[in-house]
Amino acid sequence: METEELRKELLKMVETADEKFLKKVLALAKSYEEEKGTDWWDTISDEERKAIEEGLAEADSGQLIPHEEVMKKVRARFNKPE
C-alpha cells in the first residue's frame, strides 16, 4: 500500500472511530514521534550492549564459526534433515 493510500485508509478509520480507538492511536503516534530520533543502541540494556560488543570483538579477532557448521548443529539439535 502506498503512503497516500495508507493516509486515506487511516483517515476513514479516524472519522468513524470511538474515543477509545482515538486515544490509542494518539498514544501510538506520540510514542513514535518520541522514538523517531532515538538510536536503538540507547534503548537496549547494558547486558545486551556487552553481548554485542563481545561478539564484535570475537568476530574482529577471527573467532568465527562458518554458517554451514552452525546450520548442521541447528539441524541436528532440532532433528531436521539437511
PDB file of N, CA and C in Angstrom:
ATOM      1  N   MET A   1       0.846  -1.176   0.000  1.00  0.00           N
ATOM      2  CA  MET A   1       0.000   0.000   0.000  1.00  0.00           C
ATOM      3  C   MET A   1       0.894   1.244   0.000  1.00  0.00           C
ATOM      4  N   GLU A   2       0.582   2.169  -0.870  1.00  0.00           N
ATOM      5  CA  GLU A   2       1.331   3.411  -0.974  1.00  0.00           C
ATOM      6  C   GLU A   2       1.016   4.326   0.210  1.00  0.00           C
ATOM      7  N   THR A   3       1.882   5.274   0.467  1.00  0.00           N
ATOM      8  CA  THR A   3       1.707   6.196   1.596  1.00  0.00           C
ATOM      9  C   THR A   3       0.373   6.936   1.519  1.00  0.00           C
ATOM     10  N   GLU A   4       0.034   7.416   0.346  1.00  0.00           N
ATOM     11  CA  GLU A   4      -1.223   8.167   0.204  1.00  0.00           C
ATOM     12  C   GLU A   4      -2.435   7.272   0.492  1.00  0.00           C
ATOM     13  N   GLU A   5      -2.377   6.032   0.033  1.00  0.00           N
ATOM     14  CA  GLU A   5      -3.472   5.084   0.311  1.00  0.00           C
ATOM     15  C   GLU A   5      -3.578   4.810   1.804  1.00  0.00           C
ATOM     16  N   LEU A   6      -2.432   4.693   2.460  1.00  0.00           N
ATOM     17  CA  LEU A   6      -2.420   4.476   3.905  1.00  0.00           C
ATOM     18  C   LEU A   6      -3.065   5.651   4.638  1.00  0.00           C
ATOM     19  N   ARG A   7      -2.721   6.864   4.207  1.00  0.00           N
ATOM     20  CA  ARG A   7      -3.318   8.050   4.826  1.00  0.00           C
ATOM     21  C   ARG A   7      -4.837   8.046   4.691  1.00  0.00           C
ATOM     22  N   LYS A   8      -5.304   7.770   3.481  1.00  0.00           N
ATOM     23  CA  LYS A   8      -6.750   7.762   3.223  1.00  0.00           C
ATOM     24  C   LYS A   8      -7.448   6.714   4.089  1.00  0.00           C
ATOM     25  N   GLU A   9      -6.865   5.538   4.160  1.00  0.00           N
ATOM     26  CA  GLU A   9      -7.454   4.457   4.967  1.00  0.00           C
ATOM     27  C   GLU A   9      -7.498   4.845   6.441  1.00  0.00           C
ATOM     28  N   LEU A  10      -6.414   5.420   6.930  1.00  0.00           N
ATOM     29  CA  LEU A  10      -6.358   5.833   8.328  1.00  0.00           C
ATOM     30  C   LEU A  10      -7.369   6.953   8.604  1.00  0.00           C
ATOM     31  N   LEU A  11      -7.478   7.902   7.688  1.00  0.00           N
ATOM     32  CA  LEU A  11      -8.452   8.985   7.861  1.00  0.00           C
ATOM     33  C   LEU A  11      -9.880   8.450   7.921  1.00  0.00           C
ATOM     34  N   LYS A  12     -10.199   7.462   7.086  1.00  0.00           N
ATOM     35  CA  LYS A  12     -11.535   6.839   7.131  1.00  0.00           C
ATOM     36  C   LYS A  12     -11.792   6.234   8.506  1.00  0.00           C
ATOM     37  N   MET A  13     -10.786   5.545   9.029  1.00  0.00           N
ATOM     38  CA  MET A  13     -10.940   4.903  10.334  1.00  0.00           C
ATOM     39  C   MET A  13     -11.102   5.945  11.436  1.00  0.00           C
ATOM     40  N   VAL A  14     -10.328   7.007  11.372  1.00  0.00           N
ATOM     41  CA  VAL A  14     -10.372   8.052  12.397  1.00  0.00           C
ATOM     42  C   VAL A  14     -11.725   8.769  12.381  1.00  0.00           C
ATOM     43  N   GLU A  15     -12.258   9.001  11.191  1.00  0.00           N
ATOM     44  CA  GLU A  15     -13.530   9.718  11.070  1.00  0.00           C
ATOM     45  C   GLU A  15     -14.683   9.002  11.776  1.00  0.00           C
ATOM     46  N   THR A  16     -14.626   7.681  11.838  1.00  0.00           N
ATOM     47  CA  THR A  16     -15.728   6.921  12.434  1.00  0.00           C
ATOM     48  C   THR A  16     -15.357   6.269  13.763  1.00  0.00           C
ATOM     49  N   ALA A  17     -14.166   6.559  14.255  1.00  0.00           N
ATOM     50  CA  ALA A  17     -13.650   5.872  15.444  1.00  0.00           C
ATOM     51  C   ALA A  17     -14.274   6.402  16.731  1.00  0.00           C
ATOM     52  N   ASP A  18     -14.292   5.512  17.730  1.00  0.00           N
ATOM     53  CA  ASP A  18     -14.748   5.923  19.053  1.00  0.00           C
ATOM     54  C   ASP A  18     -13.575   6.492  19.854  1.00  0.00           C
ATOM     55  N   GLU A  19     -13.861   7.008  21.027  1.00  0.00           N
ATOM     56  CA  GLU A  19     -12.847   7.673  21.851  1.00  0.00           C
ATOM     57  C   GLU A  19     -11.707   6.733  22.235  1.00  0.00           C
ATOM     58  N   LYS A  20     -12.032   5.494  22.555  1.00  0.00           N
ATOM     59  CA  LYS A  20     -11.010   4.522  22.978  1.00  0.00           C
ATOM     60  C   LYS A  20      -9.987   4.315  21.852  1.00  0.00           C
ATOM     61  N   PHE A  21     -10.481   4.137  20.632  1.00  0.00           N
ATOM     62  CA  PHE A  21      -9.597   3.945  19.482  1.00  0.00           C
ATOM     63  C   PHE A  21      -8.720   5.180  19.272  1.00  0.00           C
ATOM     64  N   LEU A  22      -9.344   6.357  19.313  1.00  0.00           N
ATOM     65  CA  LEU A  22      -8.605   7.597  19.087  1.00  0.00           C
ATOM     66  C   LEU A  22      -7.507   7.803  20.118  1.00  0.00           C
ATOM     67  N   LYS A  23      -7.783   7.471  21.369  1.00  0.00           N
ATOM     68  CA  LYS A  23      -6.762   7.609  22.413  1.00  0.00           C
ATOM     69  C   LYS A  23      -5.585   6.673  22.156  1.00  0.00           C
ATOM     70  N   LYS A  24      -5.873   5.463  21.711  1.00  0.00           N
ATOM     71  CA  LYS A  24      -4.803   4.502  21.429  1.00  0.00           C
ATOM     72  C   LYS A  24      -3.957   4.956  20.241  1.00  0.00           C
ATOM     73  N   VAL A  25      -4.613   5.447  19.202  1.00  0.00           N
ATOM     74  CA  VAL A  25      -3.882   5.926  18.031  1.00  0.00           C
ATOM     75  C   VAL A  25      -3.014   7.118  18.404  1.00  0.00           C
ATOM     76  N   LEU A  26      -3.563   8.026  19.190  1.00  0.00           N
ATOM     77  CA  LEU A  26      -2.808   9.205  19.614  1.00  0.00           C
ATOM     78  C   LEU A  26      -1.592   8.801  20.450  1.00  0.00           C
ATOM     79  N   ALA A  27      -1.785   7.866  21.369  1.00  0.00           N
ATOM     80  CA  ALA A  27      -0.663   7.395  22.195  1.00  0.00           C
ATOM     81  C   ALA A  27       0.416   6.753  21.327  1.00  0.00           C
ATOM     82  N   LEU A  28       0.005   5.966  20.348  1.00  0.00           N
ATOM     83  CA  LEU A  28       0.962   5.324  19.447  1.00  0.00           C
ATOM     84  C   LEU A  28       1.715   6.372  18.633  1.00  0.00           C
ATOM     85  N   ALA A  29       1.006   7.368  18.139  1.00  0.00           N
ATOM     86  CA  ALA A  29       1.640   8.419  17.348  1.00  0.00           C
ATOM     87  C   ALA A  29       2.642   9.203  18.188  1.00  0.00           C
ATOM     88  N   LYS A  30       2.273   9.530  19.411  1.00  0.00           N
ATOM     89  CA  LYS A  30       3.190  10.254  20.293  1.00  0.00           C
ATOM     90  C   LYS A  30       4.422   9.412  20.599  1.00  0.00           C
ATOM     91  N   SER A  31       4.212   8.136  20.860  1.00  0.00           N
ATOM     92  CA  SER A  31       5.314   7.222  21.146  1.00  0.00           C
ATOM     93  C   SER A  31       6.258   7.146  19.951  1.00  0.00           C
ATOM     94  N   TYR A  32       5.693   7.075  18.756  1.00  0.00           N
ATOM     95  CA  TYR A  32       6.505   7.021  17.537  1.00  0.00           C
ATOM     96  C   TYR A  32       7.336   8.298  17.386  1.00  0.00           C
ATOM     97  N   GLU A  33       6.716   9.427  17.614  1.00  0.00           N
ATOM     98  CA  GLU A  33       7.432  10.706  17.490  1.00  0.00           C
ATOM     99  C   GLU A  33       8.583  10.788  18.487  1.00  0.00           C
ATOM    100  N   GLU A  34       8.375  10.278  19.692  1.00  0.00           N
ATOM    101  CA  GLU A  34       9.430  10.310  20.711  1.00  0.00           C
ATOM    102  C   GLU A  34      10.586   9.402  20.335  1.00  0.00           C
ATOM    103  N   GLU A  35      10.266   8.255  19.735  1.00  0.00           N
ATOM    104  CA  GLU A  35      11.290   7.263  19.404  1.00  0.00           C
ATOM    105  C   GLU A  35      12.000   7.553  18.090  1.00  0.00           C
ATOM    106  N   LYS A  36      11.414   8.370  17.242  1.00  0.00           N
ATOM    107  CA  LYS A  36      11.934   8.603  15.899  1.00  0.00           C
ATOM    108  C   LYS A  36      13.405   9.000  15.891  1.00  0.00           C
ATOM    109  N   GLY A  37      13.824   9.841  16.792  1.00  0.00           N
ATOM    110  CA  GLY A  37      15.201  10.291  16.814  1.00  0.00           C
ATOM    111  C   GLY A  37      16.094   9.463  17.723  1.00  0.00           C
ATOM    112  N   THR A  38      15.569   8.396  18.288  1.00  0.00           N
ATOM    113  CA  THR A  38      16.314   7.583  19.240  1.00  0.00           C
ATOM    114  C   THR A  38      17.100   6.487  18.523  1.00  0.00           C
ATOM    115  N   ASP A  39      18.353   6.380  18.856  1.00  0.00           N
ATOM    116  CA  ASP A  39      19.187   5.310  18.325  1.00  0.00           C
ATOM    117  C   ASP A  39      18.860   4.030  19.094  1.00  0.00           C
ATOM    118  N   TRP A  40      18.691   2.922  18.378  1.00  0.00           N
ATOM    119  CA  TRP A  40      18.331   1.664  19.031  1.00  0.00           C
ATOM    120  C   TRP A  40      19.357   1.262  20.093  1.00  0.00           C
ATOM    121  N   TRP A  41      20.612   1.648  19.885  1.00  0.00           N
ATOM    122  CA  TRP A  41      21.667   1.300  20.839  1.00  0.00           C
ATOM    123  C   TRP A  41      21.349   1.871  22.224  1.00  0.00           C
ATOM    124  N   ASP A  42      20.718   3.035  22.252  1.00  0.00           N
ATOM    125  CA  ASP A  42      20.387   3.675  23.523  1.00  0.00           C
ATOM    126  C   ASP A  42      19.163   3.063  24.191  1.00  0.00           C
ATOM    127  N   THR A  43      18.488   2.159  23.505  1.00  0.00           N
ATOM    128  CA  THR A  43      17.267   1.564  24.061  1.00  0.00           C
ATOM    129  C   THR A  43      17.484   0.162  24.623  1.00  0.00           C
ATOM    130  N   ILE A  44      18.672  -0.411  24.389  1.00  0.00           N
ATOM    131  CA  ILE A  44      18.911  -1.771  24.877  1.00  0.00           C
ATOM    132  C   ILE A  44      19.626  -1.737  26.230  1.00  0.00           C
ATOM    133  N   SER A  45      19.583  -2.880  26.908  1.00  0.00           N
ATOM    134  CA  SER A  45      20.168  -2.957  28.242  1.00  0.00           C
ATOM    135  C   SER A  45      21.699  -3.027  28.181  1.00  0.00           C
ATOM    136  N   ASP A  46      22.327  -2.804  29.318  1.00  0.00           N
ATOM    137  CA  ASP A  46      23.790  -2.909  29.408  1.00  0.00           C
ATOM    138  C   ASP A  46      24.253  -4.318  29.059  1.00  0.00           C
ATOM    139  N   GLU A  47      23.483  -5.325  29.484  1.00  0.00           N
ATOM    140  CA  GLU A  47      23.845  -6.713  29.190  1.00  0.00           C
ATOM    141  C   GLU A  47      23.815  -6.970  27.687  1.00  0.00           C
ATOM    142  N   GLU A  48      22.788  -6.428  27.008  1.00  0.00           N
ATOM    143  CA  GLU A  48      22.701  -6.609  25.558  1.00  0.00           C
ATOM    144  C   GLU A  48      23.854  -5.910  24.857  1.00  0.00           C
ATOM    145  N   ARG A  49      24.196  -4.709  25.289  1.00  0.00           N
ATOM    146  CA  ARG A  49      25.326  -3.987  24.702  1.00  0.00           C
ATOM    147  C   ARG A  49      26.619  -4.775  24.885  1.00  0.00           C
ATOM    148  N   LYS A  50      26.817  -5.299  26.097  1.00  0.00           N
ATOM    149  CA  LYS A  50      28.029  -6.061  26.392  1.00  0.00           C
ATOM    150  C   LYS A  50      28.116  -7.301  25.495  1.00  0.00           C
ATOM    151  N   ALA A  51      26.996  -8.007  25.330  1.00  0.00           N
ATOM    152  CA  ALA A  51      26.991  -9.210  24.494  1.00  0.00           C
ATOM    153  C   ALA A  51      27.319  -8.870  23.041  1.00  0.00           C
ATOM    154  N   ILE A  52      26.766  -7.785  22.548  1.00  0.00           N
ATOM    155  CA  ILE A  52      27.045  -7.357  21.177  1.00  0.00           C
ATOM    156  C   ILE A  52      28.516  -6.985  21.026  1.00  0.00           C
ATOM    157  N   GLU A  53      29.030  -6.233  21.978  1.00  0.00           N
ATOM    158  CA  GLU A  53      30.436  -5.828  21.914  1.00  0.00           C
ATOM    159  C   GLU A  53      31.367  -7.033  21.980  1.00  0.00           C
ATOM    160  N   GLU A  54      31.026  -8.014  22.807  1.00  0.00           N
ATOM    161  CA  GLU A  54      31.846  -9.230  22.885  1.00  0.00           C
ATOM    162  C   GLU A  54      31.814  -9.985  21.556  1.00  0.00           C
ATOM    163  N   GLY A  55      30.631 -10.074  20.963  1.00  0.00           N
ATOM    164  CA  GLY A  55      30.511 -10.748  19.674  1.00  0.00           C
ATOM    165  C   GLY A  55      31.302 -10.050  18.589  1.00  0.00           C
ATOM    166  N   LEU A  56      31.243  -8.743  18.568  1.00  0.00           N
ATOM    167  CA  LEU A  56      32.019  -7.989  17.580  1.00  0.00           C
ATOM    168  C   LEU A  56      33.515  -8.170  17.786  1.00  0.00           C
ATOM    169  N   ALA A  57      33.951  -8.178  19.045  1.00  0.00           N
ATOM    170  CA  ALA A  57      35.372  -8.376  19.338  1.00  0.00           C
ATOM    171  C   ALA A  57      35.820  -9.766  18.885  1.00  0.00           C
ATOM    172  N   GLU A  58      34.980 -10.773  19.114  1.00  0.00           N
ATOM    173  CA  GLU A  58      35.312 -12.129  18.666  1.00  0.00           C
ATOM    174  C   GLU A  58      35.411 -12.181  17.143  1.00  0.00           C
ATOM    175  N   ALA A  59      34.464 -11.552  16.466  1.00  0.00           N
ATOM    176  CA  ALA A  59      34.492 -11.537  15.001  1.00  0.00           C
ATOM    177  C   ALA A  59      35.735 -10.814  14.496  1.00  0.00           C
ATOM    178  N   ASP A  60      36.067  -9.685  15.112  1.00  0.00           N
ATOM    179  CA  ASP A  60      37.250  -8.924  14.703  1.00  0.00           C
ATOM    180  C   ASP A  60      38.531  -9.724  14.872  1.00  0.00           C
ATOM    181  N   SER A  61      38.547 -10.613  15.876  1.00  0.00           N
ATOM    182  CA  SER A  61      39.756 -11.404  16.115  1.00  0.00           C
ATOM    183  C   SER A  61      39.739 -12.733  15.352  1.00  0.00           C
ATOM    184  N   GLY A  62      38.728 -12.908  14.504  1.00  0.00           N
ATOM    185  CA  GLY A  62      38.688 -14.106  13.664  1.00  0.00           C
ATOM    186  C   GLY A  62      38.038 -15.312  14.298  1.00  0.00           C
ATOM    187  N   GLN A  63      37.439 -15.153  15.450  1.00  0.00           N
ATOM    188  CA  GLN A  63      36.790 -16.274  16.130  1.00  0.00           C
ATOM    189  C   GLN A  63      35.369 -16.454  15.580  1.00  0.00           C
ATOM    190  N   LEU A  64      35.296 -16.970  14.369  1.00  0.00           N
ATOM    191  CA  LEU A  64      34.019 -17.137  13.689  1.00  0.00           C
ATOM    192  C   LEU A  64      33.724 -18.605  13.453  1.00  0.00           C
ATOM    193  N   ILE A  65      32.454 -18.939  13.361  1.00  0.00           N
ATOM    194  CA  ILE A  65      32.020 -20.289  13.016  1.00  0.00           C
ATOM    195  C   ILE A  65      31.328 -20.190  11.657  1.00  0.00           C
ATOM    196  N   PRO A  66      31.759 -20.973  10.683  1.00  0.00           N
ATOM    197  CA  PRO A  66      31.148 -20.919   9.354  1.00  0.00           C
ATOM    198  C   PRO A  66      29.641 -21.224   9.409  1.00  0.00           C
ATOM    199  N   HIS A  67      28.900 -20.584   8.552  1.00  0.00           N
ATOM    200  CA  HIS A  67      27.448 -20.729   8.507  1.00  0.00           C
ATOM    201  C   HIS A  67      27.019 -22.186   8.389  1.00  0.00           C
ATOM    202  N   GLU A  68      27.654 -22.918   7.497  1.00  0.00           N
ATOM    203  CA  GLU A  68      27.279 -24.326   7.296  1.00  0.00           C
ATOM    204  C   GLU A  68      27.457 -25.144   8.572  1.00  0.00           C
ATOM    205  N   GLU A  69      28.495 -24.867   9.327  1.00  0.00           N
ATOM    206  CA  GLU A  69      28.724 -25.586  10.587  1.00  0.00           C
ATOM    207  C   GLU A  69      27.611 -25.273  11.589  1.00  0.00           C
ATOM    208  N   VAL A  70      27.239 -24.022  11.675  1.00  0.00           N
ATOM    209  CA  VAL A  70      26.153 -23.625  12.576  1.00  0.00           C
ATOM    210  C   VAL A  70      24.860 -24.311  12.155  1.00  0.00           C
ATOM    211  N   MET A  71      24.578 -24.312  10.852  1.00  0.00           N
ATOM    212  CA  MET A  71      23.342 -24.919  10.359  1.00  0.00           C
ATOM    213  C   MET A  71      23.304 -26.426  10.643  1.00  0.00           C
ATOM    214  N   LYS A  72      24.439 -27.102  10.526  1.00  0.00           N
ATOM    215  CA  LYS A  72      24.485 -28.530  10.850  1.00  0.00           C
ATOM    216  C   LYS A  72      24.121 -28.760  12.312  1.00  0.00           C
ATOM    217  N   LYS A  73      24.664 -27.928  13.193  1.00  0.00           N
ATOM    218  CA  LYS A  73      24.366 -28.063  14.622  1.00  0.00           C
ATOM    219  C   LYS A  73      22.884 -27.787  14.900  1.00  0.00           C
ATOM    220  N   VAL A  74      22.336 -26.780  14.244  1.00  0.00           N
ATOM    221  CA  VAL A  74      20.922 -26.452  14.446  1.00  0.00           C
ATOM    222  C   VAL A  74      20.040 -27.587  13.948  1.00  0.00           C
ATOM    223  N   ARG A  75      20.340 -28.091  12.752  1.00  0.00           N
ATOM    224  CA  ARG A  75      19.547 -29.200  12.211  1.00  0.00           C
ATOM    225  C   ARG A  75      19.631 -30.418  13.113  1.00  0.00           C
ATOM    226  N   ALA A  76      20.816 -30.720  13.603  1.00  0.00           N
ATOM    227  CA  ALA A  76      20.996 -31.882  14.484  1.00  0.00           C
ATOM    228  C   ALA A  76      20.204 -31.674  15.782  1.00  0.00           C
ATOM    229  N   ARG A  77      20.264 -30.475  16.307  1.00  0.00           N
ATOM    230  CA  ARG A  77      19.581 -30.206  17.570  1.00  0.00           C
ATOM    231  C   ARG A  77      18.065 -30.317  17.428  1.00  0.00           C
ATOM    232  N   PHE A  78      17.556 -29.835  16.307  1.00  0.00           N
ATOM    233  CA  PHE A  78      16.115 -29.855  16.106  1.00  0.00           C
ATOM    234  C   PHE A  78      15.657 -30.995  15.229  1.00  0.00           C
ATOM    235  N   ASN A  79      16.577 -31.918  14.955  1.00  0.00           N
ATOM    236  CA  ASN A  79      16.279 -33.153  14.253  1.00  0.00           C
ATOM    237  C   ASN A  79      15.669 -32.903  12.883  1.00  0.00           C
ATOM    238  N   LYS A  80      16.235 -31.959  12.137  1.00  0.00           N
ATOM    239  CA  LYS A  80      15.742 -31.658  10.800  1.00  0.00           C
ATOM    240  C   LYS A  80      16.788 -32.096   9.790  1.00  0.00           C
ATOM    241  N   PRO A  81      16.353 -32.757   8.712  1.00  0.00           N
ATOM    242  CA  PRO A  81      17.313 -33.178   7.676  1.00  0.00           C
ATOM    243  C   PRO A  81      17.847 -31.983   6.901  1.00  0.00           C
ATOM    244  N   GLU A  82      19.043 -32.147   6.333  1.00  0.00           N
ATOM    245  CA  GLU A  82      19.661 -31.069   5.553  1.00  0.00           C
ATOM    246  C   GLU A  82      18.989 -30.882   4.269  1.00  0.00           C
TER     247      GLU A  82
END
